[in-house]
Structures are given as structure tokens and as C-alpha cells.
Amino acid sequence: MRRRSGELESEVLAALWAADGAMTPAQMQAELGGTLAYTTVVTILSRLHDKGVAARERQGRAYAYSPVQDEPGLAASRMRKLLDAEPDRRTVLARFVTDLSEEDEVLLRQLLADSDG
């Protein structure tokens, strides 16, 4: 069964977040059940590194990979990139806030108030 685009990257990233430390491709391959080819795991980890989502350091003949930021940090970074790509930031932010649930709006107001002082 073929995975959807980005699904494998998400699985690898989730495993990196759950790990106690950096992981080599062989460790990642084992963590994912050993069904993926080693070269596939290396490719996914390299792509995550190229995207700036994972850091890598030499460990013997291979690299060991670790996440650059946690899951909430990555989501915030993606949101910021989307906002940066829009010429009319004010309208985008206004529509975003308009579509928030009441609970999220209250939370956002609290966060904004906390960051003022």
C-alpha cells in the first residue's frame, strides 16, 4: 500500500520527536518496523535536513539526526512561512482571527496580553 505524500516524512519526524536522542538511519529503519529500505530512510532524513527540520551530526560512517524544534514550534514556523508569503498580511491575519473558535480567541488574547508585559 502506497503512502500519501508527506506521510512518511511525518512518521519519521514523529519518531525523531519521540526519541531520547539523535537517531541514525539504521535506528530509524528499525523504529519504523524495518519494512522500509535503508536508502529510503536515508532519503527521508536527508530531505528533512535539507528543509531545516532536522539537524545532523556525524556518528561513525553515518549521520545521526535530531529534530530542530518540537512539534508546536514546527507548526508555528509553517504558519509564519505561509503568512510571509502573502502580500496582504493584515487581511490574512484578520481572516485567521475571524475563523478562530471562541476558546482559541480567548487563548490568543491571553497570549497577546502576556507578551505585552
N, C-alpha and C. Protein backbone atom coordinates (compact mmCIF):
# COMPACT_ATOMS: atom_id res chain seq x y z
N MET A 1 0.85 -1.19 0.00
CA MET A 1 0.00 0.00 0.00
C MET A 1 0.88 1.24 0.00
N ARG A 2 0.61 2.14 -0.91
CA ARG A 2 1.42 3.34 -1.07
C ARG A 2 0.97 4.42 -0.09
N ARG A 3 1.95 5.09 0.53
CA ARG A 3 1.65 6.18 1.47
C ARG A 3 1.32 7.45 0.71
N ARG A 4 0.54 8.31 1.37
CA ARG A 4 0.26 9.63 0.80
C ARG A 4 1.51 10.48 0.87
N SER A 5 1.58 11.49 0.03
CA SER A 5 2.72 12.40 0.02
C SER A 5 2.90 13.05 1.39
N GLY A 6 4.10 12.99 1.90
CA GLY A 6 4.42 13.61 3.18
C GLY A 6 4.15 12.73 4.39
N GLU A 7 3.43 11.63 4.19
CA GLU A 7 3.09 10.76 5.32
C GLU A 7 4.34 10.11 5.92
N LEU A 8 5.25 9.67 5.06
CA LEU A 8 6.47 9.03 5.56
C LEU A 8 7.34 10.05 6.30
N GLU A 9 7.45 11.25 5.76
CA GLU A 9 8.21 12.30 6.45
C GLU A 9 7.60 12.57 7.83
N SER A 10 6.29 12.59 7.90
CA SER A 10 5.61 12.83 9.18
C SER A 10 5.90 11.71 10.17
N GLU A 11 5.91 10.47 9.70
CA GLU A 11 6.22 9.34 10.57
C GLU A 11 7.65 9.42 11.10
N VAL A 12 8.57 9.76 10.21
CA VAL A 12 9.98 9.87 10.61
C VAL A 12 10.15 11.01 11.60
N LEU A 13 9.51 12.13 11.34
CA LEU A 13 9.61 13.27 12.25
C LEU A 13 9.01 12.95 13.61
N ALA A 14 7.89 12.24 13.62
CA ALA A 14 7.28 11.83 14.90
C ALA A 14 8.23 10.92 15.67
N ALA A 15 8.92 10.03 14.98
CA ALA A 15 9.88 9.15 15.64
C ALA A 15 11.06 9.94 16.19
N LEU A 16 11.50 10.97 15.46
CA LEU A 16 12.59 11.82 15.96
C LEU A 16 12.16 12.56 17.23
N TRP A 17 10.94 13.06 17.24
CA TRP A 17 10.44 13.78 18.42
C TRP A 17 10.33 12.85 19.63
N ALA A 18 9.97 11.60 19.38
CA ALA A 18 9.78 10.64 20.47
C ALA A 18 11.10 10.06 20.99
N ALA A 19 12.15 10.19 20.20
CA ALA A 19 13.44 9.59 20.57
C ALA A 19 14.11 10.34 21.71
N ASP A 20 14.93 9.62 22.45
CA ASP A 20 15.68 10.23 23.55
C ASP A 20 16.89 11.04 23.07
N GLY A 21 17.31 10.80 21.85
CA GLY A 21 18.47 11.50 21.30
C GLY A 21 18.47 11.36 19.79
N ALA A 22 19.59 11.72 19.19
CA ALA A 22 19.72 11.64 17.74
C ALA A 22 19.65 10.19 17.28
N MET A 23 19.13 10.00 16.07
CA MET A 23 18.97 8.65 15.53
C MET A 23 19.68 8.51 14.19
N THR A 24 20.34 7.38 14.01
CA THR A 24 20.96 7.06 12.73
C THR A 24 19.88 6.50 11.81
N PRO A 25 20.14 6.45 10.51
CA PRO A 25 19.16 5.83 9.61
C PRO A 25 18.85 4.38 9.97
N ALA A 26 19.84 3.62 10.41
CA ALA A 26 19.59 2.23 10.80
C ALA A 26 18.66 2.16 12.01
N GLN A 27 18.87 3.05 12.97
CA GLN A 27 17.98 3.08 14.14
C GLN A 27 16.57 3.48 13.72
N MET A 28 16.47 4.45 12.81
CA MET A 28 15.16 4.90 12.33
C MET A 28 14.47 3.77 11.57
N GLN A 29 15.22 3.06 10.74
CA GLN A 29 14.66 1.95 9.98
C GLN A 29 14.05 0.91 10.94
N ALA A 30 14.78 0.58 11.99
CA ALA A 30 14.28 -0.37 12.98
C ALA A 30 13.06 0.19 13.71
N GLU A 31 13.10 1.46 14.05
CA GLU A 31 11.99 2.11 14.76
C GLU A 31 10.70 2.06 13.94
N LEU A 32 10.84 2.16 12.63
CA LEU A 32 9.68 2.16 11.73
C LEU A 32 9.24 0.76 11.35
N GLY A 33 9.83 -0.24 11.96
CA GLY A 33 9.40 -1.62 11.72
C GLY A 33 10.27 -2.41 10.77
N GLY A 34 11.29 -1.78 10.21
CA GLY A 34 12.23 -2.50 9.35
C GLY A 34 11.71 -2.83 7.98
N THR A 35 10.54 -2.33 7.60
CA THR A 35 9.98 -2.67 6.29
C THR A 35 10.46 -1.74 5.17
N LEU A 36 10.98 -0.59 5.53
CA LEU A 36 11.47 0.35 4.52
C LEU A 36 12.92 0.05 4.18
N ALA A 37 13.26 0.31 2.94
CA ALA A 37 14.65 0.15 2.53
C ALA A 37 15.51 1.19 3.25
N TYR A 38 16.73 0.81 3.57
CA TYR A 38 17.66 1.73 4.24
C TYR A 38 17.83 3.01 3.43
N THR A 39 17.94 2.88 2.11
CA THR A 39 18.13 4.06 1.26
C THR A 39 16.93 4.99 1.31
N THR A 40 15.74 4.43 1.47
CA THR A 40 14.53 5.26 1.60
C THR A 40 14.58 6.07 2.89
N VAL A 41 15.00 5.43 3.97
CA VAL A 41 15.10 6.12 5.25
C VAL A 41 16.15 7.24 5.16
N VAL A 42 17.29 6.95 4.53
CA VAL A 42 18.34 7.96 4.36
C VAL A 42 17.80 9.13 3.56
N THR A 43 17.06 8.85 2.50
CA THR A 43 16.49 9.91 1.66
C THR A 43 15.55 10.80 2.46
N ILE A 44 14.66 10.19 3.23
CA ILE A 44 13.69 10.97 4.02
C ILE A 44 14.42 11.83 5.05
N LEU A 45 15.38 11.26 5.76
CA LEU A 45 16.13 12.02 6.76
C LEU A 45 16.91 13.16 6.09
N SER A 46 17.49 12.90 4.93
CA SER A 46 18.22 13.95 4.20
C SER A 46 17.29 15.07 3.77
N ARG A 47 16.10 14.72 3.33
CA ARG A 47 15.11 15.75 2.94
C ARG A 47 14.71 16.60 4.14
N LEU A 48 14.51 15.96 5.28
CA LEU A 48 14.16 16.72 6.48
C LEU A 48 15.31 17.66 6.86
N HIS A 49 16.54 17.20 6.69
CA HIS A 49 17.70 18.06 6.95
C HIS A 49 17.74 19.22 5.97
N ASP A 50 17.53 18.94 4.69
CA ASP A 50 17.56 19.98 3.66
C ASP A 50 16.47 21.03 3.88
N LYS A 51 15.35 20.63 4.45
CA LYS A 51 14.24 21.55 4.75
C LYS A 51 14.48 22.34 6.03
N GLY A 52 15.55 21.99 6.77
CA GLY A 52 15.84 22.69 8.01
C GLY A 52 15.03 22.19 9.19
N VAL A 53 14.40 21.04 9.04
CA VAL A 53 13.56 20.49 10.10
C VAL A 53 14.36 19.58 11.02
N ALA A 54 15.41 18.96 10.47
CA ALA A 54 16.25 18.06 11.25
C ALA A 54 17.71 18.49 11.16
N ALA A 55 18.41 18.36 12.26
CA ALA A 55 19.86 18.61 12.30
C ALA A 55 20.55 17.26 12.19
N ARG A 56 21.80 17.28 11.72
CA ARG A 56 22.53 16.02 11.66
C ARG A 56 23.96 16.23 12.10
N GLU A 57 24.51 15.16 12.66
CA GLU A 57 25.90 15.17 13.10
C GLU A 57 26.51 13.82 12.75
N ARG A 58 27.79 13.84 12.47
CA ARG A 58 28.48 12.59 12.14
C ARG A 58 28.49 11.66 13.33
N GLN A 59 28.19 10.41 13.05
CA GLN A 59 28.28 9.37 14.07
C GLN A 59 28.84 8.13 13.36
N GLY A 60 30.14 7.98 13.45
CA GLY A 60 30.80 6.91 12.71
C GLY A 60 30.76 7.21 11.23
N ARG A 61 30.31 6.25 10.45
CA ARG A 61 30.24 6.43 8.99
C ARG A 61 28.92 7.04 8.54
N ALA A 62 27.98 7.17 9.45
CA ALA A 62 26.66 7.69 9.10
C ALA A 62 26.42 9.01 9.83
N TYR A 63 25.29 9.58 9.57
CA TYR A 63 24.84 10.74 10.31
C TYR A 63 23.79 10.31 11.32
N ALA A 64 23.70 11.05 12.39
CA ALA A 64 22.61 10.88 13.36
C ALA A 64 21.77 12.15 13.28
N TYR A 65 20.47 11.97 13.25
CA TYR A 65 19.54 13.08 13.04
C TYR A 65 18.73 13.36 14.29
N SER A 66 18.43 14.63 14.49
CA SER A 66 17.57 15.05 15.60
C SER A 66 16.70 16.20 15.11
N PRO A 67 15.52 16.37 15.72
CA PRO A 67 14.65 17.46 15.29
C PRO A 67 15.22 18.82 15.69
N VAL A 68 15.02 19.81 14.85
CA VAL A 68 15.50 21.16 15.13
C VAL A 68 14.59 21.84 16.15
N GLN A 69 13.30 21.56 16.07
CA GLN A 69 12.34 22.13 17.01
C GLN A 69 11.25 21.12 17.31
N ASP A 70 10.47 21.39 18.34
CA ASP A 70 9.40 20.48 18.70
C ASP A 70 8.21 20.67 17.76
N GLU A 71 7.19 19.84 17.94
CA GLU A 71 6.04 19.87 17.05
C GLU A 71 5.31 21.22 17.04
N PRO A 72 5.04 21.83 18.20
CA PRO A 72 4.41 23.15 18.16
C PRO A 72 5.29 24.21 17.48
N GLY A 73 6.58 24.12 17.68
CA GLY A 73 7.49 25.07 17.04
C GLY A 73 7.48 24.93 15.53
N LEU A 74 7.42 23.70 15.05
CA LEU A 74 7.36 23.46 13.61
C LEU A 74 6.06 23.99 13.02
N ALA A 75 4.95 23.75 13.72
CA ALA A 75 3.66 24.26 13.24
C ALA A 75 3.68 25.78 13.18
N ALA A 76 4.23 26.42 14.19
CA ALA A 76 4.32 27.89 14.21
C ALA A 76 5.20 28.39 13.07
N SER A 77 6.28 27.70 12.81
CA SER A 77 7.18 28.07 11.72
C SER A 77 6.47 27.96 10.37
N ARG A 78 5.70 26.91 10.19
CA ARG A 78 4.95 26.75 8.94
C ARG A 78 3.91 27.85 8.78
N MET A 79 3.23 28.20 9.87
CA MET A 79 2.24 29.27 9.81
C MET A 79 2.91 30.60 9.44
N ARG A 80 4.07 30.85 10.03
CA ARG A 80 4.81 32.09 9.75
C ARG A 80 5.24 32.15 8.28
N LYS A 81 5.68 31.02 7.73
CA LYS A 81 6.09 30.99 6.32
C LYS A 81 4.92 31.28 5.40
N LEU A 82 3.75 30.71 5.73
CA LEU A 82 2.56 30.98 4.93
C LEU A 82 2.20 32.46 5.00
N LEU A 83 2.26 33.03 6.17
CA LEU A 83 1.94 34.45 6.34
C LEU A 83 2.95 35.32 5.60
N ASP A 84 4.22 34.95 5.67
CA ASP A 84 5.26 35.72 4.99
C ASP A 84 5.09 35.72 3.47
N ALA A 85 4.45 34.70 2.95
CA ALA A 85 4.27 34.59 1.50
C ALA A 85 3.10 35.44 0.99
N GLU A 86 2.31 35.97 1.89
CA GLU A 86 1.14 36.75 1.49
C GLU A 86 1.43 38.25 1.50
N PRO A 87 1.07 38.95 0.44
CA PRO A 87 1.34 40.40 0.40
C PRO A 87 0.45 41.21 1.34
N ASP A 88 -0.75 40.72 1.62
CA ASP A 88 -1.69 41.46 2.47
C ASP A 88 -1.81 40.77 3.83
N ARG A 89 -0.80 40.96 4.67
CA ARG A 89 -0.74 40.29 5.98
C ARG A 89 -1.94 40.65 6.85
N ARG A 90 -2.34 41.90 6.78
CA ARG A 90 -3.45 42.37 7.63
C ARG A 90 -4.73 41.57 7.35
N THR A 91 -5.06 41.42 6.08
CA THR A 91 -6.27 40.69 5.72
C THR A 91 -6.17 39.21 6.09
N VAL A 92 -5.00 38.63 5.85
CA VAL A 92 -4.81 37.22 6.21
C VAL A 92 -4.97 37.04 7.71
N LEU A 93 -4.33 37.88 8.51
CA LEU A 93 -4.45 37.77 9.96
C LEU A 93 -5.88 38.02 10.43
N ALA A 94 -6.55 38.99 9.81
CA ALA A 94 -7.94 39.29 10.19
C ALA A 94 -8.84 38.08 9.91
N ARG A 95 -8.66 37.46 8.77
CA ARG A 95 -9.48 36.29 8.44
C ARG A 95 -9.15 35.12 9.35
N PHE A 96 -7.89 34.98 9.69
CA PHE A 96 -7.48 33.91 10.60
C PHE A 96 -8.17 34.07 11.95
N VAL A 97 -8.12 35.28 12.48
CA VAL A 97 -8.71 35.55 13.79
C VAL A 97 -10.22 35.39 13.74
N THR A 98 -10.84 35.82 12.65
CA THR A 98 -12.29 35.69 12.49
C THR A 98 -12.73 34.23 12.52
N ASP A 99 -11.90 33.35 12.00
CA ASP A 99 -12.26 31.92 11.92
C ASP A 99 -11.91 31.13 13.18
N LEU A 100 -11.31 31.77 14.18
CA LEU A 100 -10.95 31.05 15.41
C LEU A 100 -12.20 30.69 16.21
N SER A 101 -12.12 29.59 16.93
CA SER A 101 -13.20 29.25 17.86
C SER A 101 -13.14 30.25 19.02
N GLU A 102 -14.22 30.31 19.81
CA GLU A 102 -14.23 31.23 20.96
C GLU A 102 -13.08 30.92 21.91
N GLU A 103 -12.86 29.62 22.14
CA GLU A 103 -11.80 29.21 23.06
C GLU A 103 -10.41 29.65 22.56
N ASP A 104 -10.19 29.46 21.25
CA ASP A 104 -8.90 29.86 20.68
C ASP A 104 -8.73 31.38 20.67
N GLU A 105 -9.83 32.10 20.47
CA GLU A 105 -9.75 33.56 20.50
C GLU A 105 -9.37 34.04 21.90
N VAL A 106 -9.99 33.45 22.92
CA VAL A 106 -9.66 33.81 24.30
C VAL A 106 -8.18 33.50 24.58
N LEU A 107 -7.74 32.34 24.15
CA LEU A 107 -6.35 31.94 24.36
C LEU A 107 -5.40 32.90 23.65
N LEU A 108 -5.72 33.28 22.42
CA LEU A 108 -4.88 34.21 21.68
C LEU A 108 -4.82 35.57 22.39
N ARG A 109 -5.95 36.05 22.87
CA ARG A 109 -5.97 37.32 23.61
C ARG A 109 -5.09 37.24 24.87
N GLN A 110 -5.16 36.11 25.57
CA GLN A 110 -4.34 35.93 26.77
C GLN A 110 -2.85 35.93 26.40
N LEU A 111 -2.50 35.23 25.33
CA LEU A 111 -1.11 35.17 24.90
C LEU A 111 -0.59 36.54 24.50
N LEU A 112 -1.43 37.30 23.79
CA LEU A 112 -1.03 38.65 23.38
C LEU A 112 -0.87 39.57 24.60
N ALA A 113 -1.77 39.43 25.56
CA ALA A 113 -1.68 40.24 26.78
C ALA A 113 -0.43 39.89 27.56
N ASP A 114 -0.11 38.60 27.65
CA ASP A 114 1.08 38.15 28.37
C ASP A 114 2.38 38.62 27.71
N SER A 115 2.35 38.73 26.38
CA SER A 115 3.58 39.14 25.68
C SER A 115 3.79 40.65 25.72
N ASP A 116 2.77 41.42 26.12
CA ASP A 116 2.90 42.88 26.19
C ASP A 116 3.76 43.30 27.37
N GLY A 117 3.77 42.54 28.43
CA GLY A 117 4.45 42.98 29.62
C GLY A 117 5.63 42.20 29.90
